Amino acid sequence: MDRITTCNRGQLVDGDGTMIIYHSSNPKPPERINKRRKNKMKDLIDAAIKSTRSPSGVDRCVDLLIRLKSLSLSVKDILYFSKSIFKLETLRRHRNPKIREVSQSLFTSLLKTLYSQ
């Protein structure tokens, strides 16, 4: 860690691009989140939303939502990616029943993880 740059509140990025998350209310040491994993998560969410714009993208969207659900995110991951995950909220009211069902299943799983703590 030769160079550290301050980002948003509670976040630091070291020289190799690794995110260091630290909240002052958390007595534990900072958690490192790999920048590649962060980008992958955002890419999956963006791709799922983009694929809903065409009728042929329904199966792709469903596959991406299932992949997101299978990531088995921890509470810290869910909180960290909450702004990105919130973008998927619109899919719970999508006109396609398959997308609605899978997105509802994803949110149910995420909420179970959050509230099991």
PDB file of N, CA and C in Angstrom:
ATOM      1  N   MET A   1       0.842  -1.176   0.000  1.00  0.00           N
ATOM      2  CA  MET A   1       0.000   0.000   0.000  1.00  0.00           C
ATOM      3  C   MET A   1       0.887   1.238   0.000  1.00  0.00           C
ATOM      4  N   ASP A   2       1.348   1.594  -1.171  1.00  0.00           N
ATOM      5  CA  ASP A   2       2.235   2.732  -1.241  1.00  0.00           C
ATOM      6  C   ASP A   2       1.478   4.060  -1.315  1.00  0.00           C
ATOM      7  N   ARG A   3       0.313   4.084  -1.937  1.00  0.00           N
ATOM      8  CA  ARG A   3      -0.446   5.322  -2.069  1.00  0.00           C
ATOM      9  C   ARG A   3      -1.900   5.060  -1.722  1.00  0.00           C
ATOM     10  N   ILE A   4      -2.485   5.876  -0.881  1.00  0.00           N
ATOM     11  CA  ILE A   4      -3.888   5.727  -0.512  1.00  0.00           C
ATOM     12  C   ILE A   4      -4.609   7.018  -0.867  1.00  0.00           C
ATOM     13  N   THR A   5      -5.741   6.868  -1.556  1.00  0.00           N
ATOM     14  CA  THR A   5      -6.544   8.016  -1.955  1.00  0.00           C
ATOM     15  C   THR A   5      -7.896   7.918  -1.281  1.00  0.00           C
ATOM     16  N   THR A   6      -8.384   9.013  -0.741  1.00  0.00           N
ATOM     17  CA  THR A   6      -9.698   9.019  -0.108  1.00  0.00           C
ATOM     18  C   THR A   6     -10.775   9.099  -1.175  1.00  0.00           C
ATOM     19  N   CYS A   7     -11.801   8.283  -1.029  1.00  0.00           N
ATOM     20  CA  CYS A   7     -12.948   8.303  -1.945  1.00  0.00           C
ATOM     21  C   CYS A   7     -14.148   8.833  -1.185  1.00  0.00           C
ATOM     22  N   ASN A   8     -15.264   8.136  -1.297  1.00  0.00           N
ATOM     23  CA  ASN A   8     -16.476   8.518  -0.576  1.00  0.00           C
ATOM     24  C   ASN A   8     -16.287   8.305   0.915  1.00  0.00           C
ATOM     25  N   ARG A   9     -17.246   8.774   1.696  1.00  0.00           N
ATOM     26  CA  ARG A   9     -17.175   8.626   3.148  1.00  0.00           C
ATOM     27  C   ARG A   9     -17.002   7.161   3.532  1.00  0.00           C
ATOM     28  N   GLY A  10     -15.975   6.875   4.268  1.00  0.00           N
ATOM     29  CA  GLY A  10     -15.755   5.527   4.751  1.00  0.00           C
ATOM     30  C   GLY A  10     -15.063   4.611   3.766  1.00  0.00           C
ATOM     31  N   GLN A  11     -14.612   5.124   2.618  1.00  0.00           N
ATOM     32  CA  GLN A  11     -13.970   4.273   1.628  1.00  0.00           C
ATOM     33  C   GLN A  11     -12.576   4.804   1.308  1.00  0.00           C
ATOM     34  N   LEU A  12     -11.654   3.913   1.131  1.00  0.00           N
ATOM     35  CA  LEU A  12     -10.305   4.271   0.706  1.00  0.00           C
ATOM     36  C   LEU A  12      -9.915   3.365  -0.445  1.00  0.00           C
ATOM     37  N   VAL A  13      -9.075   3.851  -1.332  1.00  0.00           N
ATOM     38  CA  VAL A  13      -8.542   3.030  -2.414  1.00  0.00           C
ATOM     39  C   VAL A  13      -7.037   3.068  -2.290  1.00  0.00           C
ATOM     40  N   ASP A  14      -6.421   1.879  -2.252  1.00  0.00           N
ATOM     41  CA  ASP A  14      -4.969   1.903  -2.182  1.00  0.00           C
ATOM     42  C   ASP A  14      -4.400   1.899  -3.599  1.00  0.00           C
ATOM     43  N   GLY A  15      -3.095   1.920  -3.729  1.00  0.00           N
ATOM     44  CA  GLY A  15      -2.432   2.076  -5.013  1.00  0.00           C
ATOM     45  C   GLY A  15      -2.771   1.031  -6.053  1.00  0.00           C
ATOM     46  N   ASP A  16      -3.081  -0.203  -5.651  1.00  0.00           N
ATOM     47  CA  ASP A  16      -3.390  -1.243  -6.630  1.00  0.00           C
ATOM     48  C   ASP A  16      -4.867  -1.290  -6.991  1.00  0.00           C
ATOM     49  N   GLY A  17      -5.653  -0.328  -6.543  1.00  0.00           N
ATOM     50  CA  GLY A  17      -7.064  -0.261  -6.913  1.00  0.00           C
ATOM     51  C   GLY A  17      -7.987  -1.044  -6.010  1.00  0.00           C
ATOM     52  N   THR A  18      -7.484  -1.631  -4.938  1.00  0.00           N
ATOM     53  CA  THR A  18      -8.315  -2.396  -4.020  1.00  0.00           C
ATOM     54  C   THR A  18      -9.070  -1.446  -3.104  1.00  0.00           C
ATOM     55  N   MET A  19     -10.380  -1.663  -2.984  1.00  0.00           N
ATOM     56  CA  MET A  19     -11.186  -0.822  -2.104  1.00  0.00           C
ATOM     57  C   MET A  19     -10.989  -1.268  -0.663  1.00  0.00           C
ATOM     58  N   ILE A  20     -10.866  -0.324   0.237  1.00  0.00           N
ATOM     59  CA  ILE A  20     -10.810  -0.599   1.663  1.00  0.00           C
ATOM     60  C   ILE A  20     -12.014   0.094   2.270  1.00  0.00           C
ATOM     61  N   ILE A  21     -12.910  -0.687   2.855  1.00  0.00           N
ATOM     62  CA  ILE A  21     -14.138  -0.146   3.411  1.00  0.00           C
ATOM     63  C   ILE A  21     -13.986  -0.065   4.921  1.00  0.00           C
ATOM     64  N   TYR A  22     -14.270   1.094   5.478  1.00  0.00           N
ATOM     65  CA  TYR A  22     -14.202   1.241   6.913  1.00  0.00           C
ATOM     66  C   TYR A  22     -15.242   2.251   7.361  1.00  0.00           C
ATOM     67  N   HIS A  23     -16.079   1.840   8.262  1.00  0.00           N
ATOM     68  CA  HIS A  23     -17.077   2.729   8.847  1.00  0.00           C
ATOM     69  C   HIS A  23     -16.702   2.914  10.308  1.00  0.00           C
ATOM     70  N   SER A  24     -16.715   4.145  10.765  1.00  0.00           N
ATOM     71  CA  SER A  24     -16.259   4.433  12.121  1.00  0.00           C
ATOM     72  C   SER A  24     -17.091   3.723  13.182  1.00  0.00           C
ATOM     73  N   SER A  25     -18.349   3.378  12.854  1.00  0.00           N
ATOM     74  CA  SER A  25     -19.178   2.672  13.830  1.00  0.00           C
ATOM     75  C   SER A  25     -18.813   1.195  13.921  1.00  0.00           C
ATOM     76  N   ASN A  26     -17.995   0.717  12.986  1.00  0.00           N
ATOM     77  CA  ASN A  26     -17.595  -0.679  12.946  1.00  0.00           C
ATOM     78  C   ASN A  26     -16.231  -0.825  13.624  1.00  0.00           C
ATOM     79  N   PRO A  27     -16.166  -1.526  14.764  1.00  0.00           N
ATOM     80  CA  PRO A  27     -14.901  -1.651  15.479  1.00  0.00           C
ATOM     81  C   PRO A  27     -13.911  -2.601  14.814  1.00  0.00           C
ATOM     82  N   LYS A  28     -14.352  -3.364  13.815  1.00  0.00           N
ATOM     83  CA  LYS A  28     -13.475  -4.327  13.162  1.00  0.00           C
ATOM     84  C   LYS A  28     -12.534  -3.607  12.193  1.00  0.00           C
ATOM     85  N   PRO A  29     -11.421  -4.244  11.835  1.00  0.00           N
ATOM     86  CA  PRO A  29     -10.501  -3.631  10.883  1.00  0.00           C
ATOM     87  C   PRO A  29     -11.143  -3.502   9.499  1.00  0.00           C
ATOM     88  N   PRO A  30     -10.591  -2.667   8.630  1.00  0.00           N
ATOM     89  CA  PRO A  30     -11.161  -2.460   7.300  1.00  0.00           C
ATOM     90  C   PRO A  30     -11.247  -3.749   6.501  1.00  0.00           C
ATOM     91  N   GLU A  31     -12.292  -3.840   5.677  1.00  0.00           N
ATOM     92  CA  GLU A  31     -12.488  -4.999   4.809  1.00  0.00           C
ATOM     93  C   GLU A  31     -12.059  -4.613   3.403  1.00  0.00           C
ATOM     94  N   ARG A  32     -11.344  -5.485   2.746  1.00  0.00           N
ATOM     95  CA  ARG A  32     -10.884  -5.207   1.390  1.00  0.00           C
ATOM     96  C   ARG A  32     -11.837  -5.843   0.388  1.00  0.00           C
ATOM     97  N   ILE A  33     -12.279  -5.059  -0.567  1.00  0.00           N
ATOM     98  CA  ILE A  33     -13.134  -5.567  -1.637  1.00  0.00           C
ATOM     99  C   ILE A  33     -12.376  -5.361  -2.939  1.00  0.00           C
ATOM    100  N   ASN A  34     -12.162  -6.436  -3.659  1.00  0.00           N
ATOM    101  CA  ASN A  34     -11.416  -6.394  -4.896  1.00  0.00           C
ATOM    102  C   ASN A  34     -12.153  -5.537  -5.920  1.00  0.00           C
ATOM    103  N   LYS A  35     -11.420  -4.663  -6.595  1.00  0.00           N
ATOM    104  CA  LYS A  35     -12.023  -3.768  -7.581  1.00  0.00           C
ATOM    105  C   LYS A  35     -12.641  -4.563  -8.731  1.00  0.00           C
ATOM    106  N   ARG A  36     -12.018  -5.681  -9.094  1.00  0.00           N
ATOM    107  CA  ARG A  36     -12.544  -6.507 -10.173  1.00  0.00           C
ATOM    108  C   ARG A  36     -13.914  -7.071  -9.803  1.00  0.00           C
ATOM    109  N   ARG A  37     -14.073  -7.502  -8.550  1.00  0.00           N
ATOM    110  CA  ARG A  37     -15.361  -8.040  -8.099  1.00  0.00           C
ATOM    111  C   ARG A  37     -16.420  -6.940  -8.090  1.00  0.00           C
ATOM    112  N   LYS A  38     -16.015  -5.752  -7.684  1.00  0.00           N
ATOM    113  CA  LYS A  38     -16.927  -4.609  -7.668  1.00  0.00           C
ATOM    114  C   LYS A  38     -17.426  -4.319  -9.083  1.00  0.00           C
ATOM    115  N   ASN A  39     -16.510  -4.294 -10.043  1.00  0.00           N
ATOM    116  CA  ASN A  39     -16.895  -4.031 -11.429  1.00  0.00           C
ATOM    117  C   ASN A  39     -17.763  -5.145 -11.990  1.00  0.00           C
ATOM    118  N   LYS A  40     -17.456  -6.396 -11.633  1.00  0.00           N
ATOM    119  CA  LYS A  40     -18.237  -7.526 -12.121  1.00  0.00           C
ATOM    120  C   LYS A  40     -19.676  -7.436 -11.628  1.00  0.00           C
ATOM    121  N   MET A  41     -19.840  -7.089 -10.372  1.00  0.00           N
ATOM    122  CA  MET A  41     -21.175  -6.970  -9.790  1.00  0.00           C
ATOM    123  C   MET A  41     -21.974  -5.881 -10.498  1.00  0.00           C
ATOM    124  N   LYS A  42     -21.364  -4.722 -10.679  1.00  0.00           N
ATOM    125  CA  LYS A  42     -22.051  -3.626 -11.362  1.00  0.00           C
ATOM    126  C   LYS A  42     -22.366  -3.990 -12.807  1.00  0.00           C
ATOM    127  N   ASP A  43     -21.443  -4.688 -13.475  1.00  0.00           N
ATOM    128  CA  ASP A  43     -21.680  -5.102 -14.859  1.00  0.00           C
ATOM    129  C   ASP A  43     -22.854  -6.072 -14.957  1.00  0.00           C
ATOM    130  N   LEU A  44     -22.943  -7.015 -14.016  1.00  0.00           N
ATOM    131  CA  LEU A  44     -24.063  -7.960 -14.016  1.00  0.00           C
ATOM    132  C   LEU A  44     -25.395  -7.237 -13.840  1.00  0.00           C
ATOM    133  N   ILE A  45     -25.438  -6.293 -12.927  1.00  0.00           N
ATOM    134  CA  ILE A  45     -26.673  -5.551 -12.669  1.00  0.00           C
ATOM    135  C   ILE A  45     -27.053  -4.710 -13.879  1.00  0.00           C
ATOM    136  N   ASP A  46     -26.084  -4.001 -14.448  1.00  0.00           N
ATOM    137  CA  ASP A  46     -26.365  -3.174 -15.624  1.00  0.00           C
ATOM    138  C   ASP A  46     -26.817  -4.019 -16.812  1.00  0.00           C
ATOM    139  N   ALA A  47     -26.184  -5.170 -17.007  1.00  0.00           N
ATOM    140  CA  ALA A  47     -26.561  -6.049 -18.114  1.00  0.00           C
ATOM    141  C   ALA A  47     -27.968  -6.602 -17.929  1.00  0.00           C
ATOM    142  N   ALA A  48     -28.336  -6.927 -16.696  1.00  0.00           N
ATOM    143  CA  ALA A  48     -29.688  -7.437 -16.432  1.00  0.00           C
ATOM    144  C   ALA A  48     -30.735  -6.381 -16.772  1.00  0.00           C
ATOM    145  N   ILE A  49     -30.477  -5.149 -16.395  1.00  0.00           N
ATOM    146  CA  ILE A  49     -31.432  -4.075 -16.676  1.00  0.00           C
ATOM    147  C   ILE A  49     -31.496  -3.787 -18.174  1.00  0.00           C
ATOM    148  N   LYS A  50     -30.339  -3.735 -18.844  1.00  0.00           N
ATOM    149  CA  LYS A  50     -30.316  -3.457 -20.284  1.00  0.00           C
ATOM    150  C   LYS A  50     -31.022  -4.547 -21.076  1.00  0.00           C
ATOM    151  N   SER A  51     -30.887  -5.782 -20.652  1.00  0.00           N
ATOM    152  CA  SER A  51     -31.474  -6.889 -21.410  1.00  0.00           C
ATOM    153  C   SER A  51     -32.996  -6.884 -21.370  1.00  0.00           C
ATOM    154  N   THR A  52     -33.589  -6.167 -20.438  1.00  0.00           N
ATOM    155  CA  THR A  52     -35.057  -6.119 -20.362  1.00  0.00           C
ATOM    156  C   THR A  52     -35.655  -5.201 -21.410  1.00  0.00           C
ATOM    157  N   ARG A  53     -34.837  -4.441 -22.089  1.00  0.00           N
ATOM    158  CA  ARG A  53     -35.341  -3.473 -23.069  1.00  0.00           C
ATOM    159  C   ARG A  53     -35.790  -4.108 -24.372  1.00  0.00           C
ATOM    160  N   SER A  54     -35.414  -5.350 -24.603  1.00  0.00           N
ATOM    161  CA  SER A  54     -35.858  -6.026 -25.824  1.00  0.00           C
ATOM    162  C   SER A  54     -36.558  -7.328 -25.455  1.00  0.00           C
ATOM    163  N   PRO A  55     -37.568  -7.713 -26.244  1.00  0.00           N
ATOM    164  CA  PRO A  55     -38.288  -8.964 -25.945  1.00  0.00           C
ATOM    165  C   PRO A  55     -37.382 -10.195 -25.971  1.00  0.00           C
ATOM    166  N   SER A  56     -36.339 -10.153 -26.786  1.00  0.00           N
ATOM    167  CA  SER A  56     -35.435 -11.304 -26.865  1.00  0.00           C
ATOM    168  C   SER A  56     -34.469 -11.371 -25.680  1.00  0.00           C
ATOM    169  N   GLY A  57     -34.439 -10.336 -24.852  1.00  0.00           N
ATOM    170  CA  GLY A  57     -33.512 -10.298 -23.734  1.00  0.00           C
ATOM    171  C   GLY A  57     -34.046 -10.874 -22.443  1.00  0.00           C
ATOM    172  N   VAL A  58     -35.272 -11.397 -22.469  1.00  0.00           N
ATOM    173  CA  VAL A  58     -35.893 -11.914 -21.246  1.00  0.00           C
ATOM    174  C   VAL A  58     -35.083 -13.067 -20.659  1.00  0.00           C
ATOM    175  N   ASP A  59     -34.712 -14.020 -21.496  1.00  0.00           N
ATOM    176  CA  ASP A  59     -33.949 -15.171 -20.996  1.00  0.00           C
ATOM    177  C   ASP A  59     -32.583 -14.744 -20.453  1.00  0.00           C
ATOM    178  N   ARG A  60     -31.950 -13.798 -21.125  1.00  0.00           N
ATOM    179  CA  ARG A  60     -30.653 -13.290 -20.646  1.00  0.00           C
ATOM    180  C   ARG A  60     -30.821 -12.614 -19.287  1.00  0.00           C
ATOM    181  N   CYS A  61     -31.861 -11.814 -19.136  1.00  0.00           N
ATOM    182  CA  CYS A  61     -32.111 -11.134 -17.865  1.00  0.00           C
ATOM    183  C   CYS A  61     -32.332 -12.152 -16.753  1.00  0.00           C
ATOM    184  N   VAL A  62     -33.138 -13.160 -17.036  1.00  0.00           N
ATOM    185  CA  VAL A  62     -33.416 -14.199 -16.038  1.00  0.00           C
ATOM    186  C   VAL A  62     -32.122 -14.910 -15.653  1.00  0.00           C
ATOM    187  N   ASP A  63     -31.288 -15.238 -16.640  1.00  0.00           N
ATOM    188  CA  ASP A  63     -30.008 -15.897 -16.352  1.00  0.00           C
ATOM    189  C   ASP A  63     -29.106 -15.021 -15.484  1.00  0.00           C
ATOM    190  N   LEU A  64     -29.072 -13.729 -15.781  1.00  0.00           N
ATOM    191  CA  LEU A  64     -28.237 -12.816 -14.996  1.00  0.00           C
ATOM    192  C   LEU A  64     -28.754 -12.675 -13.566  1.00  0.00           C
ATOM    193  N   LEU A  65     -30.063 -12.621 -13.404  1.00  0.00           N
ATOM    194  CA  LEU A  65     -30.638 -12.529 -12.056  1.00  0.00           C
ATOM    195  C   LEU A  65     -30.347 -13.797 -11.251  1.00  0.00           C
ATOM    196  N   ILE A  66     -30.437 -14.938 -11.908  1.00  0.00           N
ATOM    197  CA  ILE A  66     -30.115 -16.205 -11.237  1.00  0.00           C
ATOM    198  C   ILE A  66     -28.634 -16.229 -10.851  1.00  0.00           C
ATOM    199  N   ARG A  67     -27.769 -15.720 -11.732  1.00  0.00           N
ATOM    200  CA  ARG A  67     -26.341 -15.664 -11.412  1.00  0.00           C
ATOM    201  C   ARG A  67     -26.087 -14.743 -10.216  1.00  0.00           C
ATOM    202  N   LEU A  68     -26.778 -13.599 -10.178  1.00  0.00           N
ATOM    203  CA  LEU A  68     -26.639 -12.689  -9.035  1.00  0.00           C
ATOM    204  C   LEU A  68     -27.077 -13.366  -7.741  1.00  0.00           C
ATOM    205  N   LYS A  69     -28.159 -14.127  -7.822  1.00  0.00           N
ATOM    206  CA  LYS A  69     -28.651 -14.823  -6.629  1.00  0.00           C
ATOM    207  C   LYS A  69     -27.653 -15.889  -6.174  1.00  0.00           C
ATOM    208  N   SER A  70     -26.993 -16.533  -7.115  1.00  0.00           N
ATOM    209  CA  SER A  70     -26.067 -17.616  -6.777  1.00  0.00           C
ATOM    210  C   SER A  70     -24.731 -17.110  -6.220  1.00  0.00           C
ATOM    211  N   LEU A  71     -24.490 -15.808  -6.251  1.00  0.00           N
ATOM    212  CA  LEU A  71     -23.231 -15.271  -5.730  1.00  0.00           C
ATOM    213  C   LEU A  71     -23.108 -15.407  -4.219  1.00  0.00           C
ATOM    214  N   SER A  72     -24.202 -15.667  -3.526  1.00  0.00           N
ATOM    215  CA  SER A  72     -24.198 -15.815  -2.068  1.00  0.00           C
ATOM    216  C   SER A  72     -23.485 -14.640  -1.399  1.00  0.00           C
ATOM    217  N   LEU A  73     -24.039 -13.469  -1.592  1.00  0.00           N
ATOM    218  CA  LEU A  73     -23.446 -12.256  -1.036  1.00  0.00           C
ATOM    219  C   LEU A  73     -23.585 -12.222   0.478  1.00  0.00           C
ATOM    220  N   SER A  74     -22.572 -11.710   1.132  1.00  0.00           N
ATOM    221  CA  SER A  74     -22.629 -11.533   2.587  1.00  0.00           C
ATOM    222  C   SER A  74     -23.396 -10.248   2.895  1.00  0.00           C
ATOM    223  N   VAL A  75     -23.680 -10.030   4.156  1.00  0.00           N
ATOM    224  CA  VAL A  75     -24.365  -8.804   4.576  1.00  0.00           C
ATOM    225  C   VAL A  75     -23.528  -7.588   4.186  1.00  0.00           C
ATOM    226  N   LYS A  76     -22.225  -7.668   4.394  1.00  0.00           N
ATOM    227  CA  LYS A  76     -21.340  -6.551   4.048  1.00  0.00           C
ATOM    228  C   LYS A  76     -21.362  -6.277   2.550  1.00  0.00           C
ATOM    229  N   ASP A  77     -21.386  -7.346   1.745  1.00  0.00           N
ATOM    230  CA  ASP A  77     -21.458  -7.172   0.294  1.00  0.00           C
ATOM    231  C   ASP A  77     -22.766  -6.496  -0.110  1.00  0.00           C
ATOM    232  N   ILE A  78     -23.868  -6.951   0.464  1.00  0.00           N
ATOM    233  CA  ILE A  78     -25.178  -6.388   0.131  1.00  0.00           C
ATOM    234  C   ILE A  78     -25.220  -4.910   0.498  1.00  0.00           C
ATOM    235  N   LEU A  79     -24.704  -4.573   1.661  1.00  0.00           N
ATOM    236  CA  LEU A  79     -24.689  -3.167   2.069  1.00  0.00           C
ATOM    237  C   LEU A  79     -23.781  -2.341   1.167  1.00  0.00           C
ATOM    238  N   TYR A  80     -22.655  -2.902   0.795  1.00  0.00           N
ATOM    239  CA  TYR A  80     -21.713  -2.186  -0.058  1.00  0.00           C
ATOM    240  C   TYR A  80     -22.310  -1.926  -1.446  1.00  0.00           C
ATOM    241  N   PHE A  81     -22.996  -2.937  -2.001  1.00  0.00           N
ATOM    242  CA  PHE A  81     -23.558  -2.822  -3.346  1.00  0.00           C
ATOM    243  C   PHE A  81     -25.015  -2.369  -3.341  1.00  0.00           C
ATOM    244  N   SER A  82     -25.503  -1.857  -2.228  1.00  0.00           N
ATOM    245  CA  SER A  82     -26.933  -1.553  -2.103  1.00  0.00           C
ATOM    246  C   SER A  82     -27.440  -0.564  -3.146  1.00  0.00           C
ATOM    247  N   LYS A  83     -26.642   0.434  -3.496  1.00  0.00           N
ATOM    248  CA  LYS A  83     -27.090   1.395  -4.514  1.00  0.00           C
ATOM    249  C   LYS A  83     -27.250   0.721  -5.869  1.00  0.00           C
ATOM    250  N   SER A  84     -26.349  -0.167  -6.206  1.00  0.00           N
ATOM    251  CA  SER A  84     -26.454  -0.886  -7.476  1.00  0.00           C
ATOM    252  C   SER A  84     -27.613  -1.873  -7.449  1.00  0.00           C
ATOM    253  N   ILE A  85     -27.766  -2.573  -6.332  1.00  0.00           N
ATOM    254  CA  ILE A  85     -28.846  -3.552  -6.201  1.00  0.00           C
ATOM    255  C   ILE A  85     -30.202  -2.863  -6.270  1.00  0.00           C
ATOM    256  N   PHE A  86     -30.283  -1.652  -5.736  1.00  0.00           N
ATOM    257  CA  PHE A  86     -31.554  -0.924  -5.737  1.00  0.00           C
ATOM    258  C   PHE A  86     -32.068  -0.686  -7.153  1.00  0.00           C
ATOM    259  N   LYS A  87     -31.168  -0.598  -8.127  1.00  0.00           N
ATOM    260  CA  LYS A  87     -31.579  -0.415  -9.523  1.00  0.00           C
ATOM    261  C   LYS A  87     -32.430  -1.586 -10.015  1.00  0.00           C
ATOM    262  N   LEU A  88     -32.246  -2.756  -9.415  1.00  0.00           N
ATOM    263  CA  LEU A  88     -33.003  -3.942  -9.823  1.00  0.00           C
ATOM    264  C   LEU A  88     -34.432  -3.933  -9.290  1.00  0.00           C
ATOM    265  N   GLU A  89     -34.734  -3.013  -8.394  1.00  0.00           N
ATOM    266  CA  GLU A  89     -36.072  -2.932  -7.792  1.00  0.00           C
ATOM    267  C   GLU A  89     -37.160  -2.804  -8.859  1.00  0.00           C
ATOM    268  N   THR A  90     -36.871  -2.098  -9.939  1.00  0.00           N
ATOM    269  CA  THR A  90     -37.872  -1.903 -10.997  1.00  0.00           C
ATOM    270  C   THR A  90     -38.273  -3.225 -11.650  1.00  0.00           C
ATOM    271  N   LEU A  91     -37.395  -4.211 -11.607  1.00  0.00           N
ATOM    272  CA  LEU A  91     -37.698  -5.502 -12.239  1.00  0.00           C
ATOM    273  C   LEU A  91     -38.758  -6.285 -11.468  1.00  0.00           C
ATOM    274  N   ARG A  92     -38.988  -5.930 -10.220  1.00  0.00           N
ATOM    275  CA  ARG A  92     -40.033  -6.613  -9.439  1.00  0.00           C
ATOM    276  C   ARG A  92     -41.423  -6.280  -9.962  1.00  0.00           C
ATOM    277  N   ARG A  93     -41.521  -5.200 -10.743  1.00  0.00           N
ATOM    278  CA  ARG A  93     -42.805  -4.804 -11.328  1.00  0.00           C
ATOM    279  C   ARG A  93     -42.770  -4.877 -12.854  1.00  0.00           C
ATOM    280  N   HIS A  94     -41.867  -5.661 -13.393  1.00  0.00           N
ATOM    281  CA  HIS A  94     -41.714  -5.765 -14.846  1.00  0.00           C
ATOM    282  C   HIS A  94     -42.938  -6.425 -15.471  1.00  0.00           C
ATOM    283  N   ARG A  95     -43.189  -6.109 -16.732  1.00  0.00           N
ATOM    284  CA  ARG A  95     -44.380  -6.659 -17.402  1.00  0.00           C
ATOM    285  C   ARG A  95     -44.263  -8.158 -17.684  1.00  0.00           C
ATOM    286  N   ASN A  96     -43.045  -8.672 -17.729  1.00  0.00           N
ATOM    287  CA  ASN A  96     -42.856 -10.098 -17.978  1.00  0.00           C
ATOM    288  C   ASN A  96     -42.909 -10.861 -16.650  1.00  0.00           C
ATOM    289  N   PRO A  97     -43.812 -11.851 -16.538  1.00  0.00           N
ATOM    290  CA  PRO A  97     -43.951 -12.577 -15.266  1.00  0.00           C
ATOM    291  C   PRO A  97     -42.702 -13.364 -14.862  1.00  0.00           C
ATOM    292  N   LYS A  98     -41.951 -13.847 -15.833  1.00  0.00           N
ATOM    293  CA  LYS A  98     -40.738 -14.606 -15.523  1.00  0.00           C
ATOM    294  C   LYS A  98     -39.701 -13.703 -14.838  1.00  0.00           C
ATOM    295  N   ILE A  99     -39.527 -12.499 -15.368  1.00  0.00           N
ATOM    296  CA  ILE A  99     -38.583 -11.546 -14.775  1.00  0.00           C
ATOM    297  C   ILE A  99     -39.059 -11.136 -13.387  1.00  0.00           C
ATOM    298  N   ARG A 100     -40.362 -10.890 -13.252  1.00  0.00           N
ATOM    299  CA  ARG A 100     -40.914 -10.527 -11.935  1.00  0.00           C
ATOM    300  C   ARG A 100     -40.639 -11.612 -10.913  1.00  0.00           C
ATOM    301  N   GLU A 101     -40.874 -12.847 -11.303  1.00  0.00           N
ATOM    302  CA  GLU A 101     -40.712 -13.975 -10.379  1.00  0.00           C
ATOM    303  C   GLU A 101     -39.256 -14.136  -9.921  1.00  0.00           C
ATOM    304  N   VAL A 102     -38.327 -14.102 -10.870  1.00  0.00           N
ATOM    305  CA  VAL A 102     -36.919 -14.310 -10.528  1.00  0.00           C
ATOM    306  C   VAL A 102     -36.365 -13.118  -9.737  1.00  0.00           C
ATOM    307  N   SER A 103     -36.760 -11.912 -10.097  1.00  0.00           N
ATOM    308  CA  SER A 103     -36.268 -10.751  -9.344  1.00  0.00           C
ATOM    309  C   SER A 103     -36.838 -10.735  -7.927  1.00  0.00           C
ATOM    310  N   GLN A 104     -38.087 -11.160  -7.781  1.00  0.00           N
ATOM    311  CA  GLN A 104     -38.670 -11.253  -6.441  1.00  0.00           C
ATOM    312  C   GLN A 104     -37.916 -12.294  -5.610  1.00  0.00           C
ATOM    313  N   SER A 105     -37.569 -13.395  -6.245  1.00  0.00           N
ATOM    314  CA  SER A 105     -36.802 -14.438  -5.566  1.00  0.00           C
ATOM    315  C   SER A 105     -35.427 -13.916  -5.135  1.00  0.00           C
ATOM    316  N   LEU A 106     -34.781 -13.135  -5.995  1.00  0.00           N
ATOM    317  CA  LEU A 106     -33.485 -12.542  -5.663  1.00  0.00           C
ATOM    318  C   LEU A 106     -33.607 -11.618  -4.456  1.00  0.00           C
ATOM    319  N   PHE A 107     -34.609 -10.741  -4.465  1.00  0.00           N
ATOM    320  CA  PHE A 107     -34.768  -9.808  -3.346  1.00  0.00           C
ATOM    321  C   PHE A 107     -35.147 -10.532  -2.056  1.00  0.00           C
ATOM    322  N   THR A 108     -35.947 -11.573  -2.160  1.00  0.00           N
ATOM    323  CA  THR A 108     -36.289 -12.364  -0.973  1.00  0.00           C
ATOM    324  C   THR A 108     -35.026 -12.971  -0.369  1.00  0.00           C
ATOM    325  N   SER A 109     -34.170 -13.503  -1.220  1.00  0.00           N
ATOM    326  CA  SER A 109     -32.915 -14.091  -0.757  1.00  0.00           C
ATOM    327  C   SER A 109     -32.019 -13.038  -0.099  1.00  0.00           C
ATOM    328  N   LEU A 110     -31.913 -11.870  -0.725  1.00  0.00           N
ATOM    329  CA  LEU A 110     -31.084 -10.801  -0.164  1.00  0.00           C
ATOM    330  C   LEU A 110     -31.621 -10.326   1.182  1.00  0.00           C
ATOM    331  N   LEU A 111     -32.935 -10.191   1.276  1.00  0.00           N
ATOM    332  CA  LEU A 111     -33.535  -9.740   2.534  1.00  0.00           C
ATOM    333  C   LEU A 111     -33.372 -10.780   3.639  1.00  0.00           C
ATOM    334  N   LYS A 112     -33.467 -12.061   3.283  1.00  0.00           N
ATOM    335  CA  LYS A 112     -33.234 -13.113   4.278  1.00  0.00           C
ATOM    336  C   LYS A 112     -31.816 -13.024   4.820  1.00  0.00           C
ATOM    337  N   THR A 113     -30.869 -12.778   3.924  1.00  0.00           N
ATOM    338  CA  THR A 113     -29.480 -12.640   4.352  1.00  0.00           C
ATOM    339  C   THR A 113     -29.316 -11.436   5.275  1.00  0.00           C
ATOM    340  N   LEU A 114     -29.920 -10.319   4.908  1.00  0.00           N
ATOM    341  CA  LEU A 114     -29.803  -9.102   5.725  1.00  0.00           C
ATOM    342  C   LEU A 114     -30.431  -9.264   7.100  1.00  0.00           C
ATOM    343  N   TYR A 115     -31.622  -9.841   7.147  1.00  0.00           N
ATOM    344  CA  TYR A 115     -32.349  -9.902   8.405  1.00  0.00           C
ATOM    345  C   TYR A 115     -32.033 -11.131   9.243  1.00  0.00           C
ATOM    346  N   SER A 116     -31.181 -12.014   8.735  1.00  0.00           N
ATOM    347  CA  SER A 116     -30.787 -13.178   9.530  1.00  0.00           C
ATOM    348  C   SER A 116     -29.737 -12.799  10.563  1.00  0.00           C
ATOM    349  N   GLN A 117     -29.166 -11.619  10.460  1.00  0.00           N
ATOM    350  CA  GLN A 117     -28.120 -11.163  11.388  1.00  0.00           C
ATOM    351  C   GLN A 117     -28.699 -10.711  12.697  1.00  0.00           C
TER     352      GLN A 117
END
